[in-house]
């Protein structure tokens, strides 16, 4: 089964097709361009956003994500980039829809409500 992946980047690159049919398209026009292209390619199906904390914050701030699933594991990894820094999720229309805890992980689902 072939898959199309869109990758945000600051550097222009040609489309790359891997053996097996997975194709990577590199987008330099920012999150809105990547979102628009992904929605077009998906043809009404779900689109998943992956990336670093900065990318996720941009999509949340622009209200382009309907749902986000965060898995939190009890491990200290050292320093890192804060995922939700500078965001007021309730003011952006997001709320916690689900949460499940176990000794191995806590899963939190955040959904856009407005």
PDB file of N, CA and C in Angstrom:
ATOM      1  N   UNK A   1       0.835  -1.173   0.000  1.00  0.00           N
ATOM      2  CA  UNK A   1       0.000   0.000   0.000  1.00  0.00           C
ATOM      3  C   UNK A   1       0.886   1.244   0.000  1.00  0.00           C
ATOM      4  N   UNK A   2       0.636   2.133  -0.902  1.00  0.00           N
ATOM      5  CA  UNK A   2       1.446   3.346  -0.953  1.00  0.00           C
ATOM      6  C   UNK A   2       0.871   4.396  -0.004  1.00  0.00           C
ATOM      7  N   UNK A   3       1.748   5.237   0.492  1.00  0.00           N
ATOM      8  CA  UNK A   3       1.365   6.313   1.399  1.00  0.00           C
ATOM      9  C   UNK A   3       2.025   7.593   0.945  1.00  0.00           C
ATOM     10  N   UNK A   4       1.348   8.713   1.179  1.00  0.00           N
ATOM     11  CA  UNK A   4       1.921  10.024   0.932  1.00  0.00           C
ATOM     12  C   UNK A   4       2.154  10.703   2.269  1.00  0.00           C
ATOM     13  N   UNK A   5       3.341  11.239   2.434  1.00  0.00           N
ATOM     14  CA  UNK A   5       3.713  11.971   3.639  1.00  0.00           C
ATOM     15  C   UNK A   5       4.135  13.370   3.236  1.00  0.00           C
ATOM     16  N   UNK A   6       3.685  14.366   3.996  1.00  0.00           N
ATOM     17  CA  UNK A   6       4.121  15.744   3.794  1.00  0.00           C
ATOM     18  C   UNK A   6       5.060  16.105   4.931  1.00  0.00           C
ATOM     19  N   UNK A   7       6.186  16.682   4.606  1.00  0.00           N
ATOM     20  CA  UNK A   7       7.177  17.072   5.608  1.00  0.00           C
ATOM     21  C   UNK A   7       7.414  18.571   5.522  1.00  0.00           C
ATOM     22  N   UNK A   8       7.253  19.266   6.650  1.00  0.00           N
ATOM     23  CA  UNK A   8       7.590  20.688   6.716  1.00  0.00           C
ATOM     24  C   UNK A   8       9.105  20.828   6.749  1.00  0.00           C
ATOM     25  N   UNK A   9       9.605  21.749   5.986  1.00  0.00           N
ATOM     26  CA  UNK A   9      11.047  21.976   5.979  1.00  0.00           C
ATOM     27  C   UNK A   9      11.323  23.417   5.573  1.00  0.00           C
ATOM     28  N   UNK A  10      12.510  23.882   5.903  1.00  0.00           N
ATOM     29  CA  UNK A  10      12.947  25.221   5.483  1.00  0.00           C
ATOM     30  C   UNK A  10      13.763  25.142   4.197  1.00  0.00           C
ATOM     31  N   UNK A  11      14.064  23.933   3.755  1.00  0.00           N
ATOM     32  CA  UNK A  11      14.930  23.745   2.592  1.00  0.00           C
ATOM     33  C   UNK A  11      14.176  22.998   1.494  1.00  0.00           C
ATOM     34  N   UNK A  12      14.155  23.575   0.313  1.00  0.00           N
ATOM     35  CA  UNK A  12      13.467  22.939  -0.807  1.00  0.00           C
ATOM     36  C   UNK A  12      14.143  21.611  -1.143  1.00  0.00           C
ATOM     37  N   UNK A  13      13.294  20.603  -1.388  1.00  0.00           N
ATOM     38  CA  UNK A  13      13.775  19.282  -1.792  1.00  0.00           C
ATOM     39  C   UNK A  13      12.798  18.716  -2.795  1.00  0.00           C
ATOM     40  N   UNK A  14      13.299  17.889  -3.660  1.00  0.00           N
ATOM     41  CA  UNK A  14      12.440  17.205  -4.621  1.00  0.00           C
ATOM     42  C   UNK A  14      11.652  16.114  -3.896  1.00  0.00           C
ATOM     43  N   UNK A  15      10.490  15.785  -4.442  1.00  0.00           N
ATOM     44  CA  UNK A  15       9.694  14.681  -3.905  1.00  0.00           C
ATOM     45  C   UNK A  15      10.524  13.412  -3.943  1.00  0.00           C
ATOM     46  N   UNK A  16      10.386  12.595  -2.905  1.00  0.00           N
ATOM     47  CA  UNK A  16      11.175  11.368  -2.779  1.00  0.00           C
ATOM     48  C   UNK A  16      10.219  10.187  -2.671  1.00  0.00           C
ATOM     49  N   UNK A  17      10.337   9.228  -3.600  1.00  0.00           N
ATOM     50  CA  UNK A  17       9.526   8.022  -3.561  1.00  0.00           C
ATOM     51  C   UNK A  17      10.416   6.852  -3.176  1.00  0.00           C
ATOM     52  N   UNK A  18       9.987   6.159  -2.116  1.00  0.00           N
ATOM     53  CA  UNK A  18      10.757   5.045  -1.587  1.00  0.00           C
ATOM     54  C   UNK A  18      10.317   3.742  -2.241  1.00  0.00           C
ATOM     55  N   UNK A  19      11.175   2.737  -2.167  1.00  0.00           N
ATOM     56  CA  UNK A  19      10.802   1.409  -2.618  1.00  0.00           C
ATOM     57  C   UNK A  19       9.595   0.965  -1.790  1.00  0.00           C
ATOM     58  N   UNK A  20       8.576   0.463  -2.422  1.00  0.00           N
ATOM     59  CA  UNK A  20       7.354   0.090  -1.726  1.00  0.00           C
ATOM     60  C   UNK A  20       6.244   1.104  -1.922  1.00  0.00           C
ATOM     61  N   UNK A  21       6.593   2.289  -2.438  1.00  0.00           N
ATOM     62  CA  UNK A  21       5.563   3.248  -2.808  1.00  0.00           C
ATOM     63  C   UNK A  21       5.327   4.416  -1.881  1.00  0.00           C
ATOM     64  N   UNK A  22       5.969   4.465  -0.721  1.00  0.00           N
ATOM     65  CA  UNK A  22       5.790   5.614   0.157  1.00  0.00           C
ATOM     66  C   UNK A  22       6.462   6.826  -0.473  1.00  0.00           C
ATOM     67  N   UNK A  23       5.722   7.927  -0.547  1.00  0.00           N
ATOM     68  CA  UNK A  23       6.227   9.142  -1.171  1.00  0.00           C
ATOM     69  C   UNK A  23       6.257  10.267  -0.154  1.00  0.00           C
ATOM     70  N   UNK A  24       7.389  10.971  -0.085  1.00  0.00           N
ATOM     71  CA  UNK A  24       7.551  12.122   0.793  1.00  0.00           C
ATOM     72  C   UNK A  24       7.536  13.387  -0.053  1.00  0.00           C
ATOM     73  N   UNK A  25       6.622  14.303   0.301  1.00  0.00           N
ATOM     74  CA  UNK A  25       6.532  15.609  -0.343  1.00  0.00           C
ATOM     75  C   UNK A  25       7.026  16.632   0.671  1.00  0.00           C
ATOM     76  N   UNK A  26       7.914  17.497   0.274  1.00  0.00           N
ATOM     77  CA  UNK A  26       8.510  18.468   1.187  1.00  0.00           C
ATOM     78  C   UNK A  26       7.872  19.829   0.966  1.00  0.00           C
ATOM     79  N   UNK A  27       7.339  20.412   2.046  1.00  0.00           N
ATOM     80  CA  UNK A  27       6.584  21.654   1.989  1.00  0.00           C
ATOM     81  C   UNK A  27       7.378  22.751   2.686  1.00  0.00           C
ATOM     82  N   UNK A  28       7.586  23.860   1.987  1.00  0.00           N
ATOM     83  CA  UNK A  28       8.350  24.969   2.565  1.00  0.00           C
ATOM     84  C   UNK A  28       7.478  26.178   2.875  1.00  0.00           C
ATOM     85  N   UNK A  29       6.185  26.110   2.568  1.00  0.00           N
ATOM     86  CA  UNK A  29       5.299  27.267   2.721  1.00  0.00           C
ATOM     87  C   UNK A  29       4.623  27.395   4.065  1.00  0.00           C
ATOM     88  N   UNK A  30       4.997  26.579   5.041  1.00  0.00           N
ATOM     89  CA  UNK A  30       4.432  26.696   6.380  1.00  0.00           C
ATOM     90  C   UNK A  30       3.289  25.738   6.641  1.00  0.00           C
ATOM     91  N   UNK A  31       2.732  25.855   7.857  1.00  0.00           N
ATOM     92  CA  UNK A  31       1.741  24.877   8.303  1.00  0.00           C
ATOM     93  C   UNK A  31       0.448  24.938   7.505  1.00  0.00           C
ATOM     94  N   UNK A  32       0.023  26.123   7.079  1.00  0.00           N
ATOM     95  CA  UNK A  32      -1.238  26.221   6.336  1.00  0.00           C
ATOM     96  C   UNK A  32      -1.125  25.523   4.991  1.00  0.00           C
ATOM     97  N   UNK A  33      -0.006  25.709   4.299  1.00  0.00           N
ATOM     98  CA  UNK A  33       0.202  25.016   3.022  1.00  0.00           C
ATOM     99  C   UNK A  33       0.229  23.500   3.233  1.00  0.00           C
ATOM    100  N   UNK A  34       0.936  23.053   4.259  1.00  0.00           N
ATOM    101  CA  UNK A  34       1.005  21.614   4.537  1.00  0.00           C
ATOM    102  C   UNK A  34      -0.377  21.075   4.886  1.00  0.00           C
ATOM    103  N   UNK A  35      -1.133  21.811   5.687  1.00  0.00           N
ATOM    104  CA  UNK A  35      -2.486  21.402   6.070  1.00  0.00           C
ATOM    105  C   UNK A  35      -3.379  21.291   4.831  1.00  0.00           C
ATOM    106  N   UNK A  36      -3.374  22.316   4.007  1.00  0.00           N
ATOM    107  CA  UNK A  36      -4.221  22.325   2.810  1.00  0.00           C
ATOM    108  C   UNK A  36      -3.880  21.165   1.877  1.00  0.00           C
ATOM    109  N   UNK A  37      -2.603  20.929   1.663  1.00  0.00           N
ATOM    110  CA  UNK A  37      -2.189  19.826   0.791  1.00  0.00           C
ATOM    111  C   UNK A  37      -2.547  18.474   1.392  1.00  0.00           C
ATOM    112  N   UNK A  38      -2.361  18.327   2.710  1.00  0.00           N
ATOM    113  CA  UNK A  38      -2.687  17.067   3.370  1.00  0.00           C
ATOM    114  C   UNK A  38      -4.184  16.782   3.294  1.00  0.00           C
ATOM    115  N   UNK A  39      -5.008  17.790   3.510  1.00  0.00           N
ATOM    116  CA  UNK A  39      -6.456  17.606   3.436  1.00  0.00           C
ATOM    117  C   UNK A  39      -6.877  17.228   2.019  1.00  0.00           C
ATOM    118  N   UNK A  40      -6.228  17.818   1.042  1.00  0.00           N
ATOM    119  CA  UNK A  40      -6.536  17.496  -0.352  1.00  0.00           C
ATOM    120  C   UNK A  40      -6.163  16.053  -0.677  1.00  0.00           C
ATOM    121  N   UNK A  41      -4.972  15.639  -0.265  1.00  0.00           N
ATOM    122  CA  UNK A  41      -4.500  14.276  -0.524  1.00  0.00           C
ATOM    123  C   UNK A  41      -5.363  13.259   0.229  1.00  0.00           C
ATOM    124  N   UNK A  42      -5.799  13.596   1.458  1.00  0.00           N
ATOM    125  CA  UNK A  42      -6.562  12.663   2.287  1.00  0.00           C
ATOM    126  C   UNK A  42      -7.964  12.401   1.750  1.00  0.00           C
ATOM    127  N   UNK A  43      -8.491  13.324   0.974  1.00  0.00           N
ATOM    128  CA  UNK A  43      -9.806  13.122   0.387  1.00  0.00           C
ATOM    129  C   UNK A  43     -10.891  12.817   1.410  1.00  0.00           C
ATOM    130  N   UNK A  44     -10.903  13.547   2.514  1.00  0.00           N
ATOM    131  CA  UNK A  44     -11.932  13.357   3.521  1.00  0.00           C
ATOM    132  C   UNK A  44     -11.553  12.415   4.655  1.00  0.00           C
ATOM    133  N   UNK A  45     -10.442  11.721   4.532  1.00  0.00           N
ATOM    134  CA  UNK A  45      -9.984  10.844   5.605  1.00  0.00           C
ATOM    135  C   UNK A  45      -9.197  11.656   6.633  1.00  0.00           C
ATOM    136  N   UNK A  46      -8.881  11.023   7.763  1.00  0.00           N
ATOM    137  CA  UNK A  46      -8.121  11.696   8.809  1.00  0.00           C
ATOM    138  C   UNK A  46      -6.715  12.040   8.336  1.00  0.00           C
ATOM    139  N   UNK A  47      -6.192  13.137   8.862  1.00  0.00           N
ATOM    140  CA  UNK A  47      -4.813  13.556   8.639  1.00  0.00           C
ATOM    141  C   UNK A  47      -4.136  13.605   9.991  1.00  0.00           C
ATOM    142  N   UNK A  48      -2.953  13.045  10.095  1.00  0.00           N
ATOM    143  CA  UNK A  48      -2.189  13.066  11.352  1.00  0.00           C
ATOM    144  C   UNK A  48      -1.047  14.070  11.232  1.00  0.00           C
ATOM    145  N   UNK A  49      -0.834  14.785  12.319  1.00  0.00           N
ATOM    146  CA  UNK A  49       0.254  15.758  12.384  1.00  0.00           C
ATOM    147  C   UNK A  49       1.317  15.196  13.309  1.00  0.00           C
ATOM    148  N   UNK A  50       2.534  15.149  12.842  1.00  0.00           N
ATOM    149  CA  UNK A  50       3.657  14.737  13.666  1.00  0.00           C
ATOM    150  C   UNK A  50       4.713  15.813  13.592  1.00  0.00           C
ATOM    151  N   UNK A  51       5.539  15.846  14.563  1.00  0.00           N
ATOM    152  CA  UNK A  51       6.606  16.839  14.523  1.00  0.00           C
ATOM    153  C   UNK A  51       7.041  17.189  15.922  1.00  0.00           C
ATOM    154  N   UNK A  52       7.843  18.193  15.995  1.00  0.00           N
ATOM    155  CA  UNK A  52       8.330  18.667  17.279  1.00  0.00           C
ATOM    156  C   UNK A  52       7.294  19.531  17.972  1.00  0.00           C
ATOM    157  N   UNK A  53       7.619  19.928  19.190  1.00  0.00           N
ATOM    158  CA  UNK A  53       6.705  20.734  19.992  1.00  0.00           C
ATOM    159  C   UNK A  53       6.342  22.044  19.290  1.00  0.00           C
ATOM    160  N   UNK A  54       7.296  22.660  18.620  1.00  0.00           N
ATOM    161  CA  UNK A  54       7.027  23.924  17.926  1.00  0.00           C
ATOM    162  C   UNK A  54       5.998  23.764  16.824  1.00  0.00           C
ATOM    163  N   UNK A  55       6.087  22.680  16.082  1.00  0.00           N
ATOM    164  CA  UNK A  55       5.119  22.413  15.013  1.00  0.00           C
ATOM    165  C   UNK A  55       3.733  22.177  15.602  1.00  0.00           C
ATOM    166  N   UNK A  56       3.653  21.373  16.652  1.00  0.00           N
ATOM    167  CA  UNK A  56       2.371  21.084  17.289  1.00  0.00           C
ATOM    168  C   UNK A  56       1.757  22.362  17.841  1.00  0.00           C
ATOM    169  N   UNK A  57       2.557  23.214  18.491  1.00  0.00           N
ATOM    170  CA  UNK A  57       2.044  24.494  19.018  1.00  0.00           C
ATOM    171  C   UNK A  57       1.474  25.368  17.907  1.00  0.00           C
ATOM    172  N   UNK A  58       2.145  25.400  16.758  1.00  0.00           N
ATOM    173  CA  UNK A  58       1.643  26.205  15.638  1.00  0.00           C
ATOM    174  C   UNK A  58       0.274  25.717  15.163  1.00  0.00           C
ATOM    175  N   UNK A  59       0.119  24.396  15.027  1.00  0.00           N
ATOM    176  CA  UNK A  59      -1.166  23.852  14.581  1.00  0.00           C
ATOM    177  C   UNK A  59      -2.265  24.086  15.610  1.00  0.00           C
ATOM    178  N   UNK A  60      -1.956  23.957  16.897  1.00  0.00           N
ATOM    179  CA  UNK A  60      -2.947  24.232  17.936  1.00  0.00           C
ATOM    180  C   UNK A  60      -3.337  25.707  17.935  1.00  0.00           C
ATOM    181  N   UNK A  61      -2.357  26.597  17.879  1.00  0.00           N
ATOM    182  CA  UNK A  61      -2.624  28.035  17.899  1.00  0.00           C
ATOM    183  C   UNK A  61      -3.483  28.462  16.711  1.00  0.00           C
ATOM    184  N   UNK A  62      -3.299  27.802  15.577  1.00  0.00           N
ATOM    185  CA  UNK A  62      -4.079  28.117  14.374  1.00  0.00           C
ATOM    186  C   UNK A  62      -5.427  27.396  14.364  1.00  0.00           C
ATOM    187  N   UNK A  63      -5.694  26.608  15.405  1.00  0.00           N
ATOM    188  CA  UNK A  63      -6.942  25.837  15.530  1.00  0.00           C
ATOM    189  C   UNK A  63      -7.139  24.885  14.355  1.00  0.00           C
ATOM    190  N   UNK A  64      -6.060  24.312  13.880  1.00  0.00           N
ATOM    191  CA  UNK A  64      -6.127  23.385  12.744  1.00  0.00           C
ATOM    192  C   UNK A  64      -6.192  21.925  13.178  1.00  0.00           C
ATOM    193  N   UNK A  65      -6.079  21.659  14.472  1.00  0.00           N
ATOM    194  CA  UNK A  65      -6.171  20.277  14.949  1.00  0.00           C
ATOM    195  C   UNK A  65      -7.511  20.076  15.638  1.00  0.00           C
ATOM    196  N   UNK A  66      -8.207  19.023  15.247  1.00  0.00           N
ATOM    197  CA  UNK A  66      -9.474  18.687  15.885  1.00  0.00           C
ATOM    198  C   UNK A  66      -9.250  17.913  17.168  1.00  0.00           C
ATOM    199  N   UNK A  67      -8.211  17.097  17.190  1.00  0.00           N
ATOM    200  CA  UNK A  67      -7.964  16.227  18.343  1.00  0.00           C
ATOM    201  C   UNK A  67      -6.476  15.956  18.473  1.00  0.00           C
ATOM    202  N   UNK A  68      -6.017  15.838  19.719  1.00  0.00           N
ATOM    203  CA  UNK A  68      -4.629  15.500  19.977  1.00  0.00           C
ATOM    204  C   UNK A  68      -4.581  14.467  21.097  1.00  0.00           C
ATOM    205  N   UNK A  69      -3.842  13.389  20.881  1.00  0.00           N
ATOM    206  CA  UNK A  69      -3.658  12.334  21.880  1.00  0.00           C
ATOM    207  C   UNK A  69      -2.233  12.458  22.403  1.00  0.00           C
ATOM    208  N   UNK A  70      -2.112  12.687  23.691  1.00  0.00           N
ATOM    209  CA  UNK A  70      -0.800  12.814  24.335  1.00  0.00           C
ATOM    210  C   UNK A  70      -0.604  11.601  25.243  1.00  0.00           C
ATOM    211  N   UNK A  71       0.491  10.891  25.062  1.00  0.00           N
ATOM    212  CA  UNK A  71       0.853   9.775  25.932  1.00  0.00           C
ATOM    213  C   UNK A  71       2.020  10.227  26.792  1.00  0.00           C
ATOM    214  N   UNK A  72       1.830  10.184  28.104  1.00  0.00           N
ATOM    215  CA  UNK A  72       2.838  10.639  29.053  1.00  0.00           C
ATOM    216  C   UNK A  72       3.344   9.421  29.811  1.00  0.00           C
ATOM    217  N   UNK A  73       4.659   9.186  29.740  1.00  0.00           N
ATOM    218  CA  UNK A  73       5.244   8.035  30.420  1.00  0.00           C
ATOM    219  C   UNK A  73       6.064   8.513  31.623  1.00  0.00           C
ATOM    220  N   UNK A  74       6.125   7.709  32.685  1.00  0.00           N
ATOM    221  CA  UNK A  74       6.861   8.116  33.891  1.00  0.00           C
ATOM    222  C   UNK A  74       8.367   7.907  33.735  1.00  0.00           C
ATOM    223  N   UNK A  75       8.964   8.718  32.899  1.00  0.00           N
ATOM    224  CA  UNK A  75      10.423   8.654  32.701  1.00  0.00           C
ATOM    225  C   UNK A  75      10.948  10.073  32.584  1.00  0.00           C
ATOM    226  N   UNK A  76      12.060  10.345  33.223  1.00  0.00           N
ATOM    227  CA  UNK A  76      12.694  11.657  33.120  1.00  0.00           C
ATOM    228  C   UNK A  76      13.754  11.605  32.037  1.00  0.00           C
ATOM    229  N   UNK A  77      13.602  12.459  31.043  1.00  0.00           N
ATOM    230  CA  UNK A  77      14.512  12.441  29.897  1.00  0.00           C
ATOM    231  C   UNK A  77      15.494  13.606  29.899  1.00  0.00           C
ATOM    232  N   UNK A  78      15.373  14.508  30.845  1.00  0.00           N
ATOM    233  CA  UNK A  78      16.250  15.672  30.848  1.00  0.00           C
ATOM    234  C   UNK A  78      15.525  16.868  30.284  1.00  0.00           C
ATOM    235  N   UNK A  79      16.265  17.775  29.680  1.00  0.00           N
ATOM    236  CA  UNK A  79      15.641  18.993  29.168  1.00  0.00           C
ATOM    237  C   UNK A  79      14.953  18.717  27.839  1.00  0.00           C
ATOM    238  N   UNK A  80      14.106  19.622  27.473  1.00  0.00           N
ATOM    239  CA  UNK A  80      13.393  19.502  26.208  1.00  0.00           C
ATOM    240  C   UNK A  80      12.592  20.757  25.951  1.00  0.00           C
ATOM    241  N   UNK A  81      11.831  20.740  24.888  1.00  0.00           N
ATOM    242  CA  UNK A  81      11.012  21.883  24.516  1.00  0.00           C
ATOM    243  C   UNK A  81       9.600  21.682  25.061  1.00  0.00           C
ATOM    244  N   UNK A  82       9.048  22.669  25.779  1.00  0.00           N
ATOM    245  CA  UNK A  82       7.699  22.520  26.331  1.00  0.00           C
ATOM    246  C   UNK A  82       6.650  22.408  25.225  1.00  0.00           C
ATOM    247  N   UNK A  83       5.749  21.446  25.347  1.00  0.00           N
ATOM    248  CA  UNK A  83       4.757  21.193  24.311  1.00  0.00           C
ATOM    249  C   UNK A  83       3.690  22.276  24.241  1.00  0.00           C
ATOM    250  N   UNK A  84       3.209  22.749  25.377  1.00  0.00           N
ATOM    251  CA  UNK A  84       2.068  23.662  25.374  1.00  0.00           C
ATOM    252  C   UNK A  84       2.409  25.076  25.823  1.00  0.00           C
ATOM    253  N   UNK A  85       3.691  25.412  25.883  1.00  0.00           N
ATOM    254  CA  UNK A  85       4.116  26.735  26.354  1.00  0.00           C
ATOM    255  C   UNK A  85       3.506  27.848  25.506  1.00  0.00           C
ATOM    256  N   UNK A  86       2.966  28.846  26.184  1.00  0.00           N
ATOM    257  CA  UNK A  86       2.440  30.016  25.500  1.00  0.00           C
ATOM    258  C   UNK A  86       1.047  29.835  24.913  1.00  0.00           C
ATOM    259  N   UNK A  87       0.424  28.692  25.136  1.00  0.00           N
ATOM    260  CA  UNK A  87      -0.912  28.447  24.590  1.00  0.00           C
ATOM    261  C   UNK A  87      -1.950  28.473  25.703  1.00  0.00           C
ATOM    262  N   UNK A  88      -3.076  29.100  25.453  1.00  0.00           N
ATOM    263  CA  UNK A  88      -4.226  29.050  26.351  1.00  0.00           C
ATOM    264  C   UNK A  88      -5.245  28.156  25.652  1.00  0.00           C
ATOM    265  N   UNK A  89      -5.142  26.851  25.883  1.00  0.00           N
ATOM    266  CA  UNK A  89      -5.977  25.893  25.151  1.00  0.00           C
ATOM    267  C   UNK A  89      -7.473  26.127  25.339  1.00  0.00           C
ATOM    268  N   UNK A  90      -7.971  26.411  26.549  1.00  0.00           N
ATOM    269  CA  UNK A  90      -9.409  26.692  26.657  1.00  0.00           C
ATOM    270  C   UNK A  90      -9.837  27.906  25.817  1.00  0.00           C
ATOM    271  N   UNK A  91      -9.018  28.952  25.795  1.00  0.00           N
ATOM    272  CA  UNK A  91      -9.353  30.137  25.000  1.00  0.00           C
ATOM    273  C   UNK A  91      -9.329  29.827  23.502  1.00  0.00           C
ATOM    274  N   UNK A  92      -8.533  28.839  23.103  1.00  0.00           N
ATOM    275  CA  UNK A  92      -8.472  28.429  21.699  1.00  0.00           C
ATOM    276  C   UNK A  92      -9.587  27.443  21.333  1.00  0.00           C
ATOM    277  N   UNK A  93     -10.375  27.056  22.332  1.00  0.00           N
ATOM    278  CA  UNK A  93     -11.495  26.159  22.068  1.00  0.00           C
ATOM    279  C   UNK A  93     -11.198  24.690  22.279  1.00  0.00           C
ATOM    280  N   UNK A  94     -10.146  24.371  23.033  1.00  0.00           N
ATOM    281  CA  UNK A  94      -9.793  22.979  23.302  1.00  0.00           C
ATOM    282  C   UNK A  94     -10.145  22.605  24.734  1.00  0.00           C
ATOM    283  N   UNK A  95     -10.498  21.332  24.921  1.00  0.00           N
ATOM    284  CA  UNK A  95     -10.798  20.810  26.259  1.00  0.00           C
ATOM    285  C   UNK A  95     -10.349  19.364  26.339  1.00  0.00           C
ATOM    286  N   UNK A  96     -10.108  18.899  27.558  1.00  0.00           N
ATOM    287  CA  UNK A  96      -9.762  17.489  27.758  1.00  0.00           C
ATOM    288  C   UNK A  96     -11.034  16.672  27.553  1.00  0.00           C
ATOM    289  N   UNK A  97     -10.975  15.730  26.619  1.00  0.00           N
ATOM    290  CA  UNK A  97     -12.132  14.891  26.294  1.00  0.00           C
ATOM    291  C   UNK A  97     -12.043  13.535  26.967  1.00  0.00           C
ATOM    292  N   UNK A  98     -10.820  13.039  27.147  1.00  0.00           N
ATOM    293  CA  UNK A  98     -10.615  11.724  27.763  1.00  0.00           C
ATOM    294  C   UNK A  98      -9.276  11.726  28.486  1.00  0.00           C
ATOM    295  N   UNK A  99      -9.178  10.904  29.518  1.00  0.00           N
ATOM    296  CA  UNK A  99      -7.879  10.633  30.130  1.00  0.00           C
ATOM    297  C   UNK A  99      -7.940   9.270  30.795  1.00  0.00           C
ATOM    298  N   UNK A 100      -6.888   8.507  30.602  1.00  0.00           N
ATOM    299  CA  UNK A 100      -6.781   7.168  31.161  1.00  0.00           C
ATOM    300  C   UNK A 100      -5.374   7.025  31.727  1.00  0.00           C
ATOM    301  N   UNK A 101      -5.289   6.573  32.967  1.00  0.00           N
ATOM    302  CA  UNK A 101      -3.983   6.400  33.614  1.00  0.00           C
ATOM    303  C   UNK A 101      -3.740   4.940  33.944  1.00  0.00           C
ATOM    304  N   UNK A 102      -2.486   4.554  33.834  1.00  0.00           N
ATOM    305  CA  UNK A 102      -2.032   3.238  34.256  1.00  0.00           C
ATOM    306  C   UNK A 102      -0.620   3.424  34.812  1.00  0.00           C
ATOM    307  N   UNK A 103      -0.044   2.398  35.406  1.00  0.00           N
ATOM    308  CA  UNK A 103       1.341   2.538  35.875  1.00  0.00           C
ATOM    309  C   UNK A 103       2.330   2.796  34.736  1.00  0.00           C
ATOM    310  N   UNK A 104       1.982   2.412  33.518  1.00  0.00           N
ATOM    311  CA  UNK A 104       2.896   2.545  32.389  1.00  0.00           C
ATOM    312  C   UNK A 104       2.784   3.888  31.679  1.00  0.00           C
ATOM    313  N   UNK A 105       1.593   4.501  31.694  1.00  0.00           N
ATOM    314  CA  UNK A 105       1.407   5.749  30.955  1.00  0.00           C
ATOM    315  C   UNK A 105       0.093   6.410  31.328  1.00  0.00           C
ATOM    316  N   UNK A 106       0.021   7.697  31.061  1.00  0.00           N
ATOM    317  CA  UNK A 106      -1.232   8.435  31.146  1.00  0.00           C
ATOM    318  C   UNK A 106      -1.545   8.934  29.745  1.00  0.00           C
ATOM    319  N   UNK A 107      -2.752   8.667  29.288  1.00  0.00           N
ATOM    320  CA  UNK A 107      -3.186   9.090  27.956  1.00  0.00           C
ATOM    321  C   UNK A 107      -4.221  10.197  28.120  1.00  0.00           C
ATOM    322  N   UNK A 108      -3.977  11.314  27.449  1.00  0.00           N
ATOM    323  CA  UNK A 108      -4.883  12.460  27.499  1.00  0.00           C
ATOM    324  C   UNK A 108      -5.286  12.793  26.074  1.00  0.00           C
ATOM    325  N   UNK A 109      -6.590  12.892  25.834  1.00  0.00           N
ATOM    326  CA  UNK A 109      -7.100  13.289  24.532  1.00  0.00           C
ATOM    327  C   UNK A 109      -7.692  14.679  24.666  1.00  0.00           C
ATOM    328  N   UNK A 110      -7.196  15.591  23.850  1.00  0.00           N
ATOM    329  CA  UNK A 110      -7.672  16.972  23.839  1.00  0.00           C
ATOM    330  C   UNK A 110      -8.424  17.177  22.526  1.00  0.00           C
ATOM    331  N   UNK A 111      -9.622  17.739  22.604  1.00  0.00           N
ATOM    332  CA  UNK A 111     -10.428  17.974  21.389  1.00  0.00           C
ATOM    333  C   UNK A 111     -10.808  19.452  21.289  1.00  0.00           C
ATOM    334  N   UNK A 112     -10.933  19.880  20.052  1.00  0.00           N
ATOM    335  CA  UNK A 112     -11.430  21.234  19.788  1.00  0.00           C
ATOM    336  C   UNK A 112     -12.941  21.192  19.953  1.00  0.00           C
ATOM    337  N   UNK A 113     -13.468  22.068  20.793  1.00  0.00           N
ATOM    338  CA  UNK A 113     -14.907  22.077  21.075  1.00  0.00           C
ATOM    339  C   UNK A 113     -15.604  23.247  20.416  1.00  0.00           C
ATOM    340  N   UNK A 114     -14.881  24.267  20.051  1.00  0.00           N
ATOM    341  CA  UNK A 114     -15.503  25.450  19.454  1.00  0.00           C
ATOM    342  C   UNK A 114     -14.902  25.732  18.089  1.00  0.00           C
TER     343      UNK A 114
END
